[in-house]
Amino acid sequence: MAKNQQVFLPILEEKNIELFIKREDLIHPFVSGNKFRKLKYNLEEAKKLKKKAVLTFGGAYSNHIVATAVAGKMEGLKTFGIIRGEELGKNLEQTLEENPTLKVAHEHGMKFHFVSRELYRQKTSFGFIEKMKNKWGDFYLIPEGGTNFLAVNGCEEILTKEDAQFNYLCAAVGTGGTLAGLIKTLKRKQKVLGFPALKGNFLSEEIKKYTIKNDNWKLQKGYHFGGYAKHSEELITFINDFTDKTGILLDPIYTGKMVFGIVDLIKKDFFAEGTKILAIHTGGIQGIAGFNQMLEKKNEPIIKSI
């Protein structure tokens, strides 16, 4: 069970607001946070169906790819990853040397199939899946980002009885599964705020697919910093400053944007005095090494480690 860690910042004292972080990132070095929650029942289902392998999809720095490789190995399942970017497959040795995410997945036995961005968009088509079955044999399919009904069931286990004291629950949003799980376990008078890490208006509909009609949640769409994996120097500075003050490391793709958004909303008096906020740390720390490599190439400030 993840502990709730209280955060102390001058702005919180000034506005009389309490902020706690649920440290789901400490569950496991690689299968942490919502990835653990989303995979739990999917891997159980794969074994129940007597599947010997799982196949999933992701980008070159995907937390989900790493988590699936590591968790799959722990459960005795083979893992296959369809990776966006066919250029990465041209020299696998070099790619693994330069990409810490894929290196860890490879070390845990994941076999990769690199595809062009165009083909990646067709990855869920019947023809593509059949080709993969011809290549690798039968497998259990887990969607990109891991979100499906079983994943949402896992995310429903994030909150505990003690969390009923909070007025707001906050989470970063990628595919929407974590937020759906939180919405389904809300207590009366609680509200959920989602902070999308990517641009687009499709997320609301995705989340509604997994939840009953409920108006106690809202997406805060102004904190994606330009889209998925996009960033600014302001975001990196904020992450480093937050780590210095709290000892909590945030990732630049999801949790960094969420906490930036929460602090900004506090500054703008979005929350009433006396509000208690619980933000879910969904992990993703393993991706920082790869992100820093990219920042170094651009001669930009990097994210400091603890």
Foldseek 3Di string as FASTA:
>chain_A
DFDWAWADDPLCVVQQETEIEGPQQPPDVQCGFLNVLLVVVLVVVQVVVVFQAEEEEDELLDSNLLNCLQVCLVVRHAYEYEYEDQVCVPDVVVSLVQRVSVVNSVVSHYHYDYDYNVVVVCCVPPVNVVVVCVVPNDHRYAYYVSDDLSSLVSLLPSDDPVVLPAQEEEWEDEQQSNVLSDQQNHDPNHAYEYEYLADDDCNVVSSCVNHPDDDRYDYDDPQNCHGAPHDDLVLLVQQQVSCVRGVDHAASRTPSSRVVVVSVCSVVVVDHNNGYYYYYRRHSPSSQVSSQSVCVVVVGDGRDDD
